Amino acid sequence: MYEKKEVFDFMPIGKAIKKARKAKKITREQLAEIIDCSARHIQSIENEGQYPRFELFLRLVWLFDISVDEYIFPTKKTNKSSIRRHVDSLLDQLNDTELYVIEATINGLCKAKEPEEN
């Protein structure tokens, strides 16, 4: 007798692909042209959790720099989440003056999180 196998839920990865695509301001139609598939198939991956073929999956996660560890191994601690990797790539585009503004903002956020002393 066969054991019932759990089915992997691709929906969270599909949503991450959609979020990354929108962050790069790429339409489904543009993406379809880039990766040579239909916009409808991309929609199914993003909104319905449809499994893409493996080669397409790799192209999507490489194109959008998505770390899939956090989705495949949700209970395992990952080095960097997709959002951290995305922020890192955005920071790489800034000059030192702009980075000083970001640093000051981060310091302000961290200070706001500290409990007040009485």
C-alpha atoms as a PDB file:
ATOM      1  CA  MET A   1       0.000   0.000   0.000  1.00  0.00           C
ATOM      2  CA  TYR A   2       1.251   3.489  -0.872  1.00  0.00           C
ATOM      3  CA  GLU A   3       1.672   6.242   1.670  1.00  0.00           C
ATOM      4  CA  LYS A   4      -0.136   9.490   1.050  1.00  0.00           C
ATOM      5  CA  LYS A   5       2.482  12.048   0.020  1.00  0.00           C
ATOM      6  CA  GLU A   6       2.201  15.660   1.004  1.00  0.00           C
ATOM      7  CA  VAL A   7       1.827  18.034  -1.906  1.00  0.00           C
ATOM      8  CA  PHE A   8       4.204  20.976  -1.988  1.00  0.00           C
ATOM      9  CA  ASP A   9       2.349  24.305  -2.013  1.00  0.00           C
ATOM     10  CA  PHE A  10       3.922  26.424  -4.755  1.00  0.00           C
ATOM     11  CA  MET A  11       1.638  29.400  -4.027  1.00  0.00           C
ATOM     12  CA  PRO A  12       4.086  31.269  -1.715  1.00  0.00           C
ATOM     13  CA  ILE A  13       6.843  31.041  -4.334  1.00  0.00           C
ATOM     14  CA  GLY A  14       4.408  32.188  -7.016  1.00  0.00           C
ATOM     15  CA  LYS A  15       3.519  35.208  -4.889  1.00  0.00           C
ATOM     16  CA  ALA A  16       7.222  35.964  -4.344  1.00  0.00           C
ATOM     17  CA  ILE A  17       7.775  35.845  -8.116  1.00  0.00           C
ATOM     18  CA  LYS A  18       4.853  38.225  -8.653  1.00  0.00           C
ATOM     19  CA  LYS A  19       6.095  40.620  -5.972  1.00  0.00           C
ATOM     20  CA  ALA A  20       9.633  40.626  -7.414  1.00  0.00           C
ATOM     21  CA  ARG A  21       8.312  41.122 -10.947  1.00  0.00           C
ATOM     22  CA  LYS A  22       6.222  44.100  -9.870  1.00  0.00           C
ATOM     23  CA  ALA A  23       9.128  45.559  -7.874  1.00  0.00           C
ATOM     24  CA  LYS A  24      11.172  45.551 -11.088  1.00  0.00           C
ATOM     25  CA  LYS A  25       8.200  47.115 -12.916  1.00  0.00           C
ATOM     26  CA  ILE A  26       8.008  44.268 -15.418  1.00  0.00           C
ATOM     27  CA  THR A  27       4.604  43.347 -16.817  1.00  0.00           C
ATOM     28  CA  ARG A  28       3.558  39.743 -17.314  1.00  0.00           C
ATOM     29  CA  GLU A  29       3.681  40.322 -21.043  1.00  0.00           C
ATOM     30  CA  GLN A  30       7.246  41.653 -20.851  1.00  0.00           C
ATOM     31  CA  LEU A  31       8.303  38.737 -18.656  1.00  0.00           C
ATOM     32  CA  ALA A  32       6.643  36.268 -21.026  1.00  0.00           C
ATOM     33  CA  GLU A  33       8.737  37.679 -23.853  1.00  0.00           C
ATOM     34  CA  ILE A  34      11.945  37.566 -21.782  1.00  0.00           C
ATOM     35  CA  ILE A  35      11.524  33.940 -20.706  1.00  0.00           C
ATOM     36  CA  ASP A  36       9.687  32.714 -23.799  1.00  0.00           C
ATOM     37  CA  CYS A  37       6.403  31.527 -22.322  1.00  0.00           C
ATOM     38  CA  SER A  38       2.832  32.797 -22.247  1.00  0.00           C
ATOM     39  CA  ALA A  39       1.626  35.588 -19.975  1.00  0.00           C
ATOM     40  CA  ARG A  40      -1.255  33.284 -18.998  1.00  0.00           C
ATOM     41  CA  HIS A  41       1.214  30.672 -17.750  1.00  0.00           C
ATOM     42  CA  ILE A  42       2.998  33.322 -15.662  1.00  0.00           C
ATOM     43  CA  GLN A  43      -0.371  34.374 -14.240  1.00  0.00           C
ATOM     44  CA  SER A  44      -1.098  30.762 -13.295  1.00  0.00           C
ATOM     45  CA  ILE A  45       2.271  30.453 -11.559  1.00  0.00           C
ATOM     46  CA  GLU A  46       1.836  33.736  -9.667  1.00  0.00           C
ATOM     47  CA  ASN A  47      -1.840  33.534  -8.724  1.00  0.00           C
ATOM     48  CA  GLU A  48      -2.754  29.854  -8.734  1.00  0.00           C
ATOM     49  CA  GLY A  49       0.450  28.232  -7.520  1.00  0.00           C
ATOM     50  CA  GLN A  50       0.850  26.237 -10.729  1.00  0.00           C
ATOM     51  CA  TYR A  51       4.155  24.386 -10.912  1.00  0.00           C
ATOM     52  CA  PRO A  52       6.362  25.606 -13.751  1.00  0.00           C
ATOM     53  CA  ARG A  53       8.728  23.221 -15.495  1.00  0.00           C
ATOM     54  CA  PHE A  54      12.060  23.094 -13.672  1.00  0.00           C
ATOM     55  CA  GLU A  55      14.017  25.114 -16.263  1.00  0.00           C
ATOM     56  CA  LEU A  56      11.435  27.912 -16.103  1.00  0.00           C
ATOM     57  CA  PHE A  57      11.461  27.827 -12.316  1.00  0.00           C
ATOM     58  CA  LEU A  58      15.233  28.299 -12.298  1.00  0.00           C
ATOM     59  CA  ARG A  59      15.071  31.181 -14.769  1.00  0.00           C
ATOM     60  CA  LEU A  60      12.447  32.950 -12.669  1.00  0.00           C
ATOM     61  CA  VAL A  61      14.271  32.640  -9.345  1.00  0.00           C
ATOM     62  CA  TRP A  62      17.590  33.629 -10.936  1.00  0.00           C
ATOM     63  CA  LEU A  63      16.053  36.557 -12.811  1.00  0.00           C
ATOM     64  CA  PHE A  64      14.430  37.937  -9.677  1.00  0.00           C
ATOM     65  CA  ASP A  65      17.101  36.783  -7.186  1.00  0.00           C
ATOM     66  CA  ILE A  66      14.579  34.867  -5.076  1.00  0.00           C
ATOM     67  CA  SER A  67      15.885  32.655  -2.296  1.00  0.00           C
ATOM     68  CA  VAL A  68      13.694  29.560  -2.334  1.00  0.00           C
ATOM     69  CA  ASP A  69      15.107  28.014   0.857  1.00  0.00           C
ATOM     70  CA  GLU A  70      12.642  29.937   2.991  1.00  0.00           C
ATOM     71  CA  TYR A  71       9.755  28.395   1.006  1.00  0.00           C
ATOM     72  CA  ILE A  72      11.061  24.870   0.571  1.00  0.00           C
ATOM     73  CA  PHE A  73      12.393  24.581   4.140  1.00  0.00           C
ATOM     74  CA  PRO A  74      10.094  26.925   6.088  1.00  0.00           C
ATOM     75  CA  THR A  75      11.260  25.696   9.504  1.00  0.00           C
ATOM     76  CA  LYS A  76      14.959  26.002   8.700  1.00  0.00           C
ATOM     77  CA  LYS A  77      16.775  29.268   9.434  1.00  0.00           C
ATOM     78  CA  THR A  78      18.037  30.798   6.191  1.00  0.00           C
ATOM     79  CA  ASN A  79      20.991  33.136   5.835  1.00  0.00           C
ATOM     80  CA  LYS A  80      19.066  35.839   4.003  1.00  0.00           C
ATOM     81  CA  SER A  81      15.411  36.032   3.060  1.00  0.00           C
ATOM     82  CA  SER A  82      14.360  37.138  -0.397  1.00  0.00           C
ATOM     83  CA  ILE A  83      13.445  40.592   0.891  1.00  0.00           C
ATOM     84  CA  ARG A  84      16.897  41.024   2.467  1.00  0.00           C
ATOM     85  CA  ARG A  85      18.560  39.950  -0.767  1.00  0.00           C
ATOM     86  CA  HIS A  86      16.359  42.380  -2.706  1.00  0.00           C
ATOM     87  CA  VAL A  87      17.208  45.245  -0.341  1.00  0.00           C
ATOM     88  CA  ASP A  88      20.908  44.366  -0.678  1.00  0.00           C
ATOM     89  CA  SER A  89      20.669  44.594  -4.459  1.00  0.00           C
ATOM     90  CA  LEU A  90      18.903  47.962  -4.199  1.00  0.00           C
ATOM     91  CA  LEU A  91      21.559  49.276  -1.808  1.00  0.00           C
ATOM     92  CA  ASP A  92      24.243  48.333  -4.319  1.00  0.00           C
ATOM     93  CA  GLN A  93      22.746  50.920  -6.680  1.00  0.00           C
ATOM     94  CA  LEU A  94      23.189  53.831  -4.245  1.00  0.00           C
ATOM     95  CA  ASN A  95      26.153  56.134  -3.788  1.00  0.00           C
ATOM     96  CA  ASP A  96      27.741  56.894  -0.396  1.00  0.00           C
ATOM     97  CA  THR A  97      25.659  60.032   0.206  1.00  0.00           C
ATOM     98  CA  GLU A  98      22.440  58.091  -0.389  1.00  0.00           C
ATOM     99  CA  LEU A  99      23.686  55.267   1.834  1.00  0.00           C
ATOM    100  CA  TYR A 100      24.232  57.767   4.696  1.00  0.00           C
ATOM    101  CA  VAL A 101      20.519  58.663   4.465  1.00  0.00           C
ATOM    102  CA  ILE A 102      19.573  54.972   4.564  1.00  0.00           C
ATOM    103  CA  GLU A 103      21.915  54.367   7.506  1.00  0.00           C
ATOM    104  CA  ALA A 104      20.383  57.278   9.447  1.00  0.00           C
ATOM    105  CA  THR A 105      16.894  55.951   8.706  1.00  0.00           C
ATOM    106  CA  ILE A 106      17.816  52.478   9.932  1.00  0.00           C
ATOM    107  CA  ASN A 107      19.406  53.902  13.078  1.00  0.00           C
ATOM    108  CA  GLY A 108      16.222  55.912  13.723  1.00  0.00           C
ATOM    109  CA  LEU A 109      14.057  52.817  13.294  1.00  0.00           C
ATOM    110  CA  CYS A 110      16.247  50.784  15.638  1.00  0.00           C
ATOM    111  CA  LYS A 111      16.222  53.552  18.236  1.00  0.00           C
ATOM    112  CA  ALA A 112      12.407  53.779  18.003  1.00  0.00           C
ATOM    113  CA  LYS A 113      12.176  50.058  18.763  1.00  0.00           C
ATOM    114  CA  GLU A 114      14.214  50.374  21.969  1.00  0.00           C
ATOM    115  CA  PRO A 115      12.171  50.470  25.150  1.00  0.00           C
ATOM    116  CA  GLU A 116      12.004  53.871  26.800  1.00  0.00           C
ATOM    117  CA  GLU A 117      14.022  54.387  29.968  1.00  0.00           C
ATOM    118  CA  ASN A 118      12.157  55.820  32.951  1.00  0.00           C
END
